[in-house]
Amino acid sequence: MNDTTTITLTSRFQTIITRCYTGSVSSDENRAAHGGVCITECRRTASGPILARQVNINGRHTEVGESYEITDAEFRQMLLAIA
């Protein structure tokens, strides 16, 4: 498989995947953000690791989940899922 999808991660979160709403992503729940879409965002830290987070969006309402560290291999799997 020829993977032509390339994303250069910066220190700012970038949307990687957009999918339908599947549930709350934060312990600080914002019910107004439920029912729209859920996006996965990723960024690279200054020291090298990749951070990811889930964000629910419904119109102007958002619910941001906690950031968690992922490996380069997990990031490549995300890219393959959208290719």
N, C-alpha and C. Protein backbone atom coordinates (compact mmCIF):
# COMPACT_ATOMS: atom_id res chain seq x y z
N MET A 1 0.83 -1.18 0.00
CA MET A 1 0.00 0.00 0.00
C MET A 1 0.88 1.24 0.00
N ASN A 2 0.61 2.16 -0.89
CA ASN A 2 1.37 3.39 -0.98
C ASN A 2 0.67 4.45 -0.15
N ASP A 3 1.26 4.82 0.98
CA ASP A 3 0.66 5.79 1.87
C ASP A 3 1.11 7.19 1.47
N THR A 4 0.19 7.96 0.86
CA THR A 4 0.51 9.32 0.44
C THR A 4 0.05 10.34 1.47
N THR A 5 -0.58 9.88 2.55
CA THR A 5 -1.04 10.78 3.59
C THR A 5 0.13 11.14 4.50
N THR A 6 0.51 12.40 4.50
CA THR A 6 1.56 12.84 5.40
C THR A 6 1.07 14.06 6.16
N ILE A 7 1.31 14.05 7.43
CA ILE A 7 0.96 15.18 8.29
C ILE A 7 2.18 15.49 9.13
N THR A 8 2.62 16.72 9.06
CA THR A 8 3.73 17.15 9.88
C THR A 8 3.16 17.75 11.16
N LEU A 9 3.45 17.09 12.27
CA LEU A 9 2.93 17.57 13.54
C LEU A 9 3.75 18.75 14.05
N THR A 10 3.06 19.74 14.57
CA THR A 10 3.70 20.91 15.18
C THR A 10 3.35 20.92 16.66
N SER A 11 3.65 22.00 17.33
CA SER A 11 3.35 22.10 18.75
C SER A 11 1.90 22.49 19.03
N ARG A 12 1.13 22.73 17.97
CA ARG A 12 -0.30 23.04 18.12
C ARG A 12 -1.12 21.81 17.74
N PHE A 13 -2.23 21.59 18.45
CA PHE A 13 -3.09 20.45 18.13
C PHE A 13 -3.67 20.61 16.73
N GLN A 14 -3.65 19.51 15.97
CA GLN A 14 -4.21 19.46 14.62
C GLN A 14 -5.24 18.34 14.56
N THR A 15 -6.33 18.57 13.84
CA THR A 15 -7.35 17.55 13.67
C THR A 15 -6.82 16.45 12.76
N ILE A 16 -6.90 15.21 13.25
CA ILE A 16 -6.43 14.06 12.47
C ILE A 16 -7.62 13.25 11.97
N ILE A 17 -8.60 13.01 12.84
CA ILE A 17 -9.76 12.18 12.49
C ILE A 17 -11.03 12.90 12.93
N THR A 18 -12.05 12.87 12.08
CA THR A 18 -13.38 13.37 12.44
C THR A 18 -14.35 12.20 12.29
N ARG A 19 -15.13 11.95 13.33
CA ARG A 19 -16.10 10.85 13.28
C ARG A 19 -17.35 11.27 14.05
N CYS A 20 -18.35 10.40 14.04
CA CYS A 20 -19.60 10.73 14.73
C CYS A 20 -19.40 10.67 16.24
N TYR A 21 -20.28 11.35 16.95
CA TYR A 21 -20.26 11.37 18.41
C TYR A 21 -20.46 9.95 18.94
N THR A 22 -19.65 9.56 19.94
CA THR A 22 -19.78 8.22 20.52
C THR A 22 -19.92 8.24 22.03
N GLY A 23 -19.75 9.38 22.67
CA GLY A 23 -19.89 9.47 24.12
C GLY A 23 -19.05 10.59 24.69
N SER A 24 -19.21 10.80 25.97
CA SER A 24 -18.47 11.86 26.66
C SER A 24 -16.97 11.57 26.62
N VAL A 25 -16.15 12.61 26.50
CA VAL A 25 -14.70 12.44 26.44
C VAL A 25 -13.99 13.10 27.62
N SER A 26 -14.76 13.71 28.52
CA SER A 26 -14.16 14.45 29.62
C SER A 26 -14.92 14.19 30.91
N SER A 27 -14.19 14.23 32.02
CA SER A 27 -14.86 14.12 33.32
C SER A 27 -15.60 15.42 33.64
N ASP A 28 -15.19 16.52 32.99
CA ASP A 28 -15.88 17.80 33.10
C ASP A 28 -16.86 17.89 31.92
N GLU A 29 -17.93 17.13 32.01
CA GLU A 29 -18.85 16.93 30.89
C GLU A 29 -19.59 18.20 30.50
N ASN A 30 -19.67 18.44 29.18
CA ASN A 30 -20.47 19.53 28.62
C ASN A 30 -21.53 18.88 27.74
N ARG A 31 -22.72 18.67 28.28
CA ARG A 31 -23.76 17.95 27.56
C ARG A 31 -24.20 18.66 26.28
N ALA A 32 -24.02 19.97 26.21
CA ALA A 32 -24.38 20.70 24.99
C ALA A 32 -23.48 20.31 23.82
N ALA A 33 -22.30 19.78 24.11
CA ALA A 33 -21.37 19.39 23.04
C ALA A 33 -21.65 17.97 22.54
N HIS A 34 -22.58 17.28 23.16
CA HIS A 34 -22.87 15.90 22.76
C HIS A 34 -23.81 15.87 21.56
N GLY A 35 -23.64 14.85 20.71
CA GLY A 35 -24.54 14.64 19.59
C GLY A 35 -24.01 15.10 18.25
N GLY A 36 -22.92 15.85 18.23
CA GLY A 36 -22.35 16.33 16.96
C GLY A 36 -21.28 15.38 16.46
N VAL A 37 -20.06 15.86 16.42
CA VAL A 37 -18.93 15.03 15.96
C VAL A 37 -17.88 14.95 17.06
N CYS A 38 -17.03 13.95 16.93
CA CYS A 38 -15.89 13.79 17.84
C CYS A 38 -14.63 13.81 16.97
N ILE A 39 -13.70 14.66 17.31
CA ILE A 39 -12.46 14.71 16.55
C ILE A 39 -11.30 14.23 17.41
N THR A 40 -10.30 13.67 16.77
CA THR A 40 -9.06 13.31 17.43
C THR A 40 -8.02 14.31 16.96
N GLU A 41 -7.38 14.95 17.91
CA GLU A 41 -6.33 15.93 17.62
C GLU A 41 -5.00 15.42 18.14
N CYS A 42 -3.93 15.76 17.43
CA CYS A 42 -2.59 15.35 17.86
C CYS A 42 -1.63 16.53 17.75
N ARG A 43 -0.58 16.49 18.56
CA ARG A 43 0.51 17.47 18.46
C ARG A 43 1.78 16.82 18.97
N ARG A 44 2.92 17.36 18.56
CA ARG A 44 4.21 16.87 19.04
C ARG A 44 4.73 17.85 20.09
N THR A 45 5.20 17.32 21.21
CA THR A 45 5.75 18.18 22.27
C THR A 45 7.17 18.60 21.91
N ALA A 46 7.68 19.60 22.61
CA ALA A 46 9.04 20.08 22.35
C ALA A 46 10.08 19.00 22.60
N SER A 47 9.78 18.10 23.53
CA SER A 47 10.75 17.04 23.84
C SER A 47 10.58 15.80 22.96
N GLY A 48 9.59 15.79 22.06
CA GLY A 48 9.48 14.71 21.09
C GLY A 48 8.23 13.85 21.09
N PRO A 49 7.65 13.48 22.26
CA PRO A 49 6.48 12.59 22.24
C PRO A 49 5.27 13.23 21.56
N ILE A 50 4.34 12.39 21.11
CA ILE A 50 3.10 12.84 20.49
C ILE A 50 1.99 12.78 21.53
N LEU A 51 1.22 13.86 21.63
CA LEU A 51 0.05 13.89 22.49
C LEU A 51 -1.20 13.86 21.62
N ALA A 52 -2.22 13.14 22.08
CA ALA A 52 -3.50 13.09 21.39
C ALA A 52 -4.59 13.44 22.39
N ARG A 53 -5.74 13.87 21.87
CA ARG A 53 -6.90 14.13 22.70
C ARG A 53 -8.16 14.03 21.85
N GLN A 54 -9.28 13.77 22.51
CA GLN A 54 -10.58 13.71 21.86
C GLN A 54 -11.34 14.99 22.17
N VAL A 55 -12.06 15.51 21.19
CA VAL A 55 -12.86 16.72 21.39
C VAL A 55 -14.24 16.50 20.77
N ASN A 56 -15.29 16.65 21.58
CA ASN A 56 -16.66 16.61 21.07
C ASN A 56 -17.05 18.02 20.66
N ILE A 57 -17.68 18.14 19.49
CA ILE A 57 -18.12 19.43 18.99
C ILE A 57 -19.56 19.32 18.50
N ASN A 58 -20.38 20.23 18.94
CA ASN A 58 -21.77 20.33 18.49
C ASN A 58 -22.07 21.80 18.33
N GLY A 59 -21.99 22.28 17.10
CA GLY A 59 -22.16 23.71 16.86
C GLY A 59 -21.02 24.47 17.50
N ARG A 60 -21.33 25.42 18.36
CA ARG A 60 -20.26 26.18 19.02
C ARG A 60 -19.87 25.59 20.37
N HIS A 61 -20.49 24.50 20.76
CA HIS A 61 -20.20 23.86 22.05
C HIS A 61 -19.09 22.82 21.89
N THR A 62 -18.15 22.81 22.83
CA THR A 62 -17.05 21.85 22.78
C THR A 62 -16.87 21.19 24.15
N GLU A 63 -16.32 19.98 24.09
CA GLU A 63 -15.94 19.23 25.29
C GLU A 63 -14.58 18.62 24.99
N VAL A 64 -13.55 19.04 25.70
CA VAL A 64 -12.18 18.63 25.42
C VAL A 64 -11.74 17.58 26.44
N GLY A 65 -11.29 16.45 25.94
CA GLY A 65 -10.79 15.38 26.80
C GLY A 65 -9.35 15.62 27.21
N GLU A 66 -8.89 14.83 28.17
CA GLU A 66 -7.50 14.90 28.63
C GLU A 66 -6.55 14.45 27.53
N SER A 67 -5.39 15.07 27.45
CA SER A 67 -4.34 14.65 26.51
C SER A 67 -3.68 13.39 27.01
N TYR A 68 -3.30 12.53 26.07
CA TYR A 68 -2.59 11.30 26.41
C TYR A 68 -1.50 11.07 25.38
N GLU A 69 -0.42 10.43 25.82
CA GLU A 69 0.73 10.19 24.95
C GLU A 69 0.49 8.96 24.09
N ILE A 70 0.86 9.08 22.80
CA ILE A 70 0.80 7.93 21.89
C ILE A 70 2.17 7.76 21.24
N THR A 71 2.42 6.58 20.72
CA THR A 71 3.69 6.29 20.05
C THR A 71 3.60 6.71 18.58
N ASP A 72 4.75 6.76 17.93
CA ASP A 72 4.78 7.04 16.49
C ASP A 72 4.00 5.98 15.73
N ALA A 73 4.10 4.72 16.17
CA ALA A 73 3.38 3.63 15.50
C ALA A 73 1.86 3.82 15.62
N GLU A 74 1.39 4.25 16.79
CA GLU A 74 -0.04 4.50 16.97
C GLU A 74 -0.50 5.66 16.10
N PHE A 75 0.35 6.68 15.96
CA PHE A 75 0.01 7.80 15.09
C PHE A 75 -0.08 7.35 13.63
N ARG A 76 0.87 6.52 13.20
CA ARG A 76 0.81 5.99 11.83
C ARG A 76 -0.46 5.17 11.60
N GLN A 77 -0.89 4.42 12.62
CA GLN A 77 -2.13 3.65 12.51
C GLN A 77 -3.33 4.59 12.31
N MET A 78 -3.33 5.73 12.99
CA MET A 78 -4.40 6.71 12.80
C MET A 78 -4.42 7.19 11.35
N LEU A 79 -3.23 7.47 10.82
CA LEU A 79 -3.15 7.95 9.44
C LEU A 79 -3.62 6.89 8.45
N LEU A 80 -3.30 5.63 8.72
CA LEU A 80 -3.74 4.55 7.84
C LEU A 80 -5.26 4.40 7.89
N ALA A 81 -5.85 4.68 9.03
CA ALA A 81 -7.31 4.56 9.18
C ALA A 81 -8.05 5.59 8.33
N ILE A 82 -7.41 6.71 8.04
CA ILE A 82 -8.08 7.74 7.24
C ILE A 82 -7.65 7.72 5.77
N ALA A 83 -6.64 6.93 5.45
CA ALA A 83 -6.13 6.89 4.07
C ALA A 83 -7.08 6.16 3.14
